Amino acid sequence: MESGNTLIEAAARVAGSRYKLAMKLGESQSFLSHIEHGKKRMPPSLAARMAAIAGVDARRAAMEALVSQEKDHEKAVALANALGVPAPPEPEISNGLTVQLA
């Protein structure tokens, strides 16, 4: 399945523009932008509607969106396995250090 960004791009292409996609979905363009930039998670119902517009598997898109909402990685992997969709990648581990550049 496609990531949120690619799904938005594919649906916008079919709808004719991001503006037309947002109107068709009853969502604001800024909400879709927040999803694209990782500031918001894609709700499963929105993923399904967007996938239907893009002509891809709406059921799978909704299941993948559901998995992506799980914050605990182990739980997300278990859910993905139960639903038969790809498991999310391992989260990057930060050493907690911040570097200040001049």
N, C-alpha and C. Protein backbone atom coordinates (compact mmCIF):
# COMPACT_ATOMS: atom_id res chain seq x y z
N MET A 1 0.85 -1.18 0.00
CA MET A 1 0.00 0.00 0.00
C MET A 1 0.88 1.22 0.00
N GLU A 2 0.29 2.31 -0.27
CA GLU A 2 1.02 3.55 -0.38
C GLU A 2 1.06 4.27 0.96
N SER A 3 2.12 5.01 1.16
CA SER A 3 2.19 5.84 2.36
C SER A 3 1.15 6.94 2.25
N GLY A 4 0.91 7.64 3.36
CA GLY A 4 -0.05 8.73 3.36
C GLY A 4 0.25 9.76 2.29
N ASN A 5 1.55 10.08 2.14
CA ASN A 5 1.93 11.08 1.14
C ASN A 5 1.59 10.61 -0.26
N THR A 6 1.95 9.38 -0.58
CA THR A 6 1.71 8.87 -1.92
C THR A 6 0.23 8.69 -2.17
N LEU A 7 -0.50 8.29 -1.15
CA LEU A 7 -1.94 8.13 -1.30
C LEU A 7 -2.60 9.48 -1.58
N ILE A 8 -2.19 10.51 -0.88
CA ILE A 8 -2.72 11.85 -1.13
C ILE A 8 -2.37 12.29 -2.54
N GLU A 9 -1.12 12.05 -2.95
CA GLU A 9 -0.71 12.43 -4.31
C GLU A 9 -1.54 11.70 -5.36
N ALA A 10 -1.73 10.40 -5.18
CA ALA A 10 -2.49 9.61 -6.15
C ALA A 10 -3.94 10.06 -6.22
N ALA A 11 -4.54 10.29 -5.06
CA ALA A 11 -5.95 10.72 -5.03
C ALA A 11 -6.09 12.13 -5.61
N ALA A 12 -5.13 13.01 -5.33
CA ALA A 12 -5.17 14.38 -5.86
C ALA A 12 -5.05 14.35 -7.38
N ARG A 13 -4.21 13.45 -7.89
CA ARG A 13 -4.06 13.32 -9.35
C ARG A 13 -5.39 12.94 -9.99
N VAL A 14 -6.08 11.98 -9.37
CA VAL A 14 -7.37 11.54 -9.92
C VAL A 14 -8.43 12.63 -9.76
N ALA A 15 -8.43 13.29 -8.61
CA ALA A 15 -9.43 14.34 -8.35
C ALA A 15 -9.18 15.59 -9.19
N GLY A 16 -7.96 15.78 -9.65
CA GLY A 16 -7.63 16.94 -10.48
C GLY A 16 -6.74 17.95 -9.79
N SER A 17 -6.75 17.98 -8.48
CA SER A 17 -5.87 18.88 -7.71
C SER A 17 -6.04 18.56 -6.23
N ARG A 18 -5.14 19.08 -5.42
CA ARG A 18 -5.26 18.91 -3.97
C ARG A 18 -6.49 19.63 -3.46
N TYR A 19 -6.78 20.79 -4.05
CA TYR A 19 -7.96 21.55 -3.64
C TYR A 19 -9.23 20.73 -3.91
N LYS A 20 -9.33 20.17 -5.12
CA LYS A 20 -10.52 19.38 -5.48
C LYS A 20 -10.62 18.13 -4.60
N LEU A 21 -9.47 17.53 -4.28
CA LEU A 21 -9.48 16.37 -3.40
C LEU A 21 -10.01 16.74 -2.02
N ALA A 22 -9.51 17.83 -1.48
CA ALA A 22 -9.96 18.28 -0.16
C ALA A 22 -11.46 18.54 -0.17
N MET A 23 -11.95 19.19 -1.21
CA MET A 23 -13.38 19.47 -1.32
C MET A 23 -14.19 18.18 -1.41
N LYS A 24 -13.71 17.26 -2.21
CA LYS A 24 -14.41 15.97 -2.39
C LYS A 24 -14.47 15.18 -1.08
N LEU A 25 -13.42 15.30 -0.27
CA LEU A 25 -13.35 14.58 1.00
C LEU A 25 -14.03 15.34 2.14
N GLY A 26 -14.32 16.61 1.92
CA GLY A 26 -14.89 17.43 2.99
C GLY A 26 -13.87 17.76 4.06
N GLU A 27 -12.61 17.86 3.65
CA GLU A 27 -11.52 18.18 4.56
C GLU A 27 -10.84 19.44 4.08
N SER A 28 -10.09 20.08 4.96
CA SER A 28 -9.35 21.26 4.55
C SER A 28 -8.02 20.85 3.92
N GLN A 29 -7.52 21.71 3.05
CA GLN A 29 -6.21 21.45 2.46
C GLN A 29 -5.13 21.44 3.54
N SER A 30 -5.30 22.27 4.56
CA SER A 30 -4.29 22.32 5.62
C SER A 30 -4.26 21.00 6.40
N PHE A 31 -5.42 20.36 6.60
CA PHE A 31 -5.44 19.07 7.29
C PHE A 31 -4.68 18.03 6.47
N LEU A 32 -4.91 18.01 5.16
CA LEU A 32 -4.19 17.06 4.30
C LEU A 32 -2.69 17.37 4.32
N SER A 33 -2.34 18.64 4.36
CA SER A 33 -0.93 19.03 4.43
C SER A 33 -0.30 18.56 5.74
N HIS A 34 -1.04 18.67 6.83
CA HIS A 34 -0.53 18.20 8.13
C HIS A 34 -0.28 16.69 8.09
N ILE A 35 -1.12 15.95 7.41
CA ILE A 35 -0.92 14.51 7.28
C ILE A 35 0.35 14.26 6.45
N GLU A 36 0.47 14.96 5.34
CA GLU A 36 1.65 14.78 4.48
C GLU A 36 2.95 15.07 5.19
N HIS A 37 2.94 16.04 6.07
CA HIS A 37 4.17 16.44 6.76
C HIS A 37 4.34 15.79 8.12
N GLY A 38 3.52 14.79 8.41
CA GLY A 38 3.68 14.02 9.65
C GLY A 38 3.20 14.72 10.90
N LYS A 39 2.48 15.82 10.76
CA LYS A 39 1.97 16.52 11.94
C LYS A 39 0.67 15.91 12.45
N LYS A 40 -0.02 15.20 11.58
CA LYS A 40 -1.26 14.50 11.94
C LYS A 40 -1.19 13.10 11.35
N ARG A 41 -1.89 12.20 11.98
CA ARG A 41 -1.99 10.84 11.46
C ARG A 41 -3.25 10.73 10.60
N MET A 42 -3.16 9.90 9.57
CA MET A 42 -4.31 9.73 8.69
C MET A 42 -5.35 8.85 9.36
N PRO A 43 -6.57 9.35 9.56
CA PRO A 43 -7.62 8.50 10.11
C PRO A 43 -7.95 7.37 9.13
N PRO A 44 -8.21 6.17 9.63
CA PRO A 44 -8.52 5.05 8.74
C PRO A 44 -9.69 5.34 7.79
N SER A 45 -10.71 6.04 8.26
CA SER A 45 -11.85 6.33 7.39
C SER A 45 -11.45 7.25 6.24
N LEU A 46 -10.56 8.19 6.50
CA LEU A 46 -10.08 9.08 5.45
C LEU A 46 -9.21 8.31 4.47
N ALA A 47 -8.37 7.43 4.99
CA ALA A 47 -7.51 6.62 4.11
C ALA A 47 -8.36 5.78 3.17
N ALA A 48 -9.45 5.21 3.67
CA ALA A 48 -10.33 4.39 2.84
C ALA A 48 -11.00 5.23 1.75
N ARG A 49 -11.48 6.40 2.12
CA ARG A 49 -12.15 7.26 1.12
C ARG A 49 -11.16 7.75 0.08
N MET A 50 -9.95 8.10 0.52
CA MET A 50 -8.93 8.56 -0.39
C MET A 50 -8.48 7.44 -1.34
N ALA A 51 -8.34 6.25 -0.79
CA ALA A 51 -7.94 5.10 -1.61
C ALA A 51 -9.00 4.81 -2.67
N ALA A 52 -10.27 4.92 -2.30
CA ALA A 52 -11.34 4.70 -3.27
C ALA A 52 -11.25 5.70 -4.41
N ILE A 53 -10.93 6.94 -4.10
CA ILE A 53 -10.76 7.96 -5.14
C ILE A 53 -9.56 7.62 -6.02
N ALA A 54 -8.47 7.17 -5.39
CA ALA A 54 -7.24 6.86 -6.12
C ALA A 54 -7.33 5.55 -6.89
N GLY A 55 -8.34 4.75 -6.59
CA GLY A 55 -8.49 3.48 -7.28
C GLY A 55 -7.62 2.37 -6.73
N VAL A 56 -7.27 2.48 -5.44
CA VAL A 56 -6.49 1.42 -4.80
C VAL A 56 -7.35 0.78 -3.71
N ASP A 57 -6.86 -0.29 -3.11
CA ASP A 57 -7.61 -1.07 -2.14
C ASP A 57 -7.93 -0.25 -0.88
N ALA A 58 -9.19 0.16 -0.76
CA ALA A 58 -9.61 1.00 0.37
C ALA A 58 -9.53 0.25 1.69
N ARG A 59 -9.84 -1.02 1.68
CA ARG A 59 -9.80 -1.81 2.92
C ARG A 59 -8.37 -1.88 3.46
N ARG A 60 -7.44 -2.15 2.57
CA ARG A 60 -6.03 -2.23 2.98
C ARG A 60 -5.53 -0.87 3.46
N ALA A 61 -5.91 0.20 2.78
CA ALA A 61 -5.48 1.55 3.18
C ALA A 61 -5.98 1.85 4.59
N ALA A 62 -7.22 1.49 4.88
CA ALA A 62 -7.78 1.74 6.21
C ALA A 62 -7.04 0.92 7.27
N MET A 63 -6.72 -0.33 6.95
CA MET A 63 -6.01 -1.17 7.92
C MET A 63 -4.60 -0.64 8.17
N GLU A 64 -3.92 -0.20 7.13
CA GLU A 64 -2.57 0.34 7.31
C GLU A 64 -2.61 1.64 8.11
N ALA A 65 -3.63 2.45 7.87
CA ALA A 65 -3.77 3.69 8.65
C ALA A 65 -4.03 3.36 10.11
N LEU A 66 -4.81 2.34 10.36
CA LEU A 66 -5.10 1.92 11.73
C LEU A 66 -3.82 1.48 12.43
N VAL A 67 -3.01 0.70 11.75
CA VAL A 67 -1.73 0.25 12.31
C VAL A 67 -0.83 1.44 12.59
N SER A 68 -0.81 2.41 11.69
CA SER A 68 0.09 3.56 11.87
C SER A 68 -0.31 4.43 13.05
N GLN A 69 -1.54 4.31 13.52
CA GLN A 69 -1.97 5.10 14.67
C GLN A 69 -1.50 4.53 15.99
N GLU A 70 -1.10 3.27 16.01
CA GLU A 70 -0.62 2.64 17.25
C GLU A 70 0.77 3.17 17.57
N LYS A 71 0.91 3.78 18.72
CA LYS A 71 2.19 4.41 19.10
C LYS A 71 3.20 3.40 19.62
N ASP A 72 2.74 2.32 20.23
CA ASP A 72 3.64 1.29 20.75
C ASP A 72 4.03 0.37 19.59
N HIS A 73 5.34 0.31 19.29
CA HIS A 73 5.80 -0.44 18.13
C HIS A 73 5.43 -1.92 18.19
N GLU A 74 5.60 -2.55 19.34
CA GLU A 74 5.28 -3.97 19.46
C GLU A 74 3.80 -4.22 19.19
N LYS A 75 2.95 -3.34 19.72
CA LYS A 75 1.51 -3.48 19.49
C LYS A 75 1.17 -3.23 18.02
N ALA A 76 1.86 -2.28 17.40
CA ALA A 76 1.63 -2.00 15.99
C ALA A 76 2.01 -3.21 15.13
N VAL A 77 3.12 -3.85 15.46
CA VAL A 77 3.55 -5.04 14.71
C VAL A 77 2.54 -6.17 14.89
N ALA A 78 2.07 -6.37 16.12
CA ALA A 78 1.08 -7.42 16.38
C ALA A 78 -0.20 -7.14 15.61
N LEU A 79 -0.64 -5.89 15.60
CA LEU A 79 -1.85 -5.52 14.87
C LEU A 79 -1.67 -5.72 13.37
N ALA A 80 -0.52 -5.29 12.85
CA ALA A 80 -0.24 -5.47 11.42
C ALA A 80 -0.25 -6.94 11.05
N ASN A 81 0.36 -7.77 11.89
CA ASN A 81 0.37 -9.21 11.61
C ASN A 81 -1.04 -9.79 11.63
N ALA A 82 -1.85 -9.35 12.59
CA ALA A 82 -3.22 -9.85 12.69
C ALA A 82 -4.06 -9.42 11.49
N LEU A 83 -3.79 -8.23 10.97
CA LEU A 83 -4.57 -7.71 9.84
C LEU A 83 -3.99 -8.11 8.49
N GLY A 84 -2.78 -8.65 8.50
CA GLY A 84 -2.16 -9.08 7.25
C GLY A 84 -1.63 -7.94 6.40
N VAL A 85 -1.17 -6.87 7.06
CA VAL A 85 -0.58 -5.75 6.35
C VAL A 85 0.87 -5.59 6.80
N PRO A 86 1.68 -4.86 6.05
CA PRO A 86 3.09 -4.71 6.44
C PRO A 86 3.24 -4.05 7.82
N ALA A 87 4.19 -4.58 8.56
CA ALA A 87 4.48 -4.00 9.89
C ALA A 87 5.24 -2.70 9.69
N PRO A 88 5.05 -1.76 10.62
CA PRO A 88 5.79 -0.50 10.51
C PRO A 88 7.28 -0.74 10.78
N PRO A 89 8.14 0.14 10.24
CA PRO A 89 9.57 -0.03 10.49
C PRO A 89 9.90 0.25 11.94
N GLU A 90 11.03 -0.29 12.37
CA GLU A 90 11.52 -0.03 13.73
C GLU A 90 11.71 1.47 13.90
N PRO A 91 11.32 2.01 15.05
CA PRO A 91 11.56 3.44 15.26
C PRO A 91 13.05 3.70 15.41
N GLU A 92 13.45 4.88 14.98
CA GLU A 92 14.86 5.26 15.14
C GLU A 92 15.11 5.57 16.60
N ILE A 93 16.26 5.12 17.09
CA ILE A 93 16.61 5.35 18.48
C ILE A 93 17.53 6.55 18.55
N SER A 94 17.15 7.49 19.36
CA SER A 94 17.95 8.70 19.53
C SER A 94 18.79 8.54 20.79
N ASN A 95 20.00 9.08 20.75
CA ASN A 95 20.85 8.99 21.93
C ASN A 95 20.55 10.13 22.91
N GLY A 96 19.60 10.99 22.55
CA GLY A 96 19.21 12.06 23.44
C GLY A 96 20.11 13.27 23.39
N LEU A 97 21.16 13.21 22.59
CA LEU A 97 22.07 14.34 22.51
C LEU A 97 21.59 15.32 21.45
N THR A 98 21.73 16.56 21.74
CA THR A 98 21.41 17.57 20.74
C THR A 98 22.68 18.33 20.45
N VAL A 99 22.85 18.67 19.20
CA VAL A 99 24.03 19.40 18.78
C VAL A 99 23.60 20.76 18.31
N GLN A 100 24.20 21.77 18.86
CA GLN A 100 23.87 23.13 18.47
C GLN A 100 24.90 23.59 17.46
N LEU A 101 24.41 23.95 16.29
CA LEU A 101 25.30 24.41 15.24
C LEU A 101 25.44 25.92 15.33
N ALA A 102 26.65 26.38 15.05
CA ALA A 102 26.90 27.83 15.11
C ALA A 102 26.37 28.51 13.89
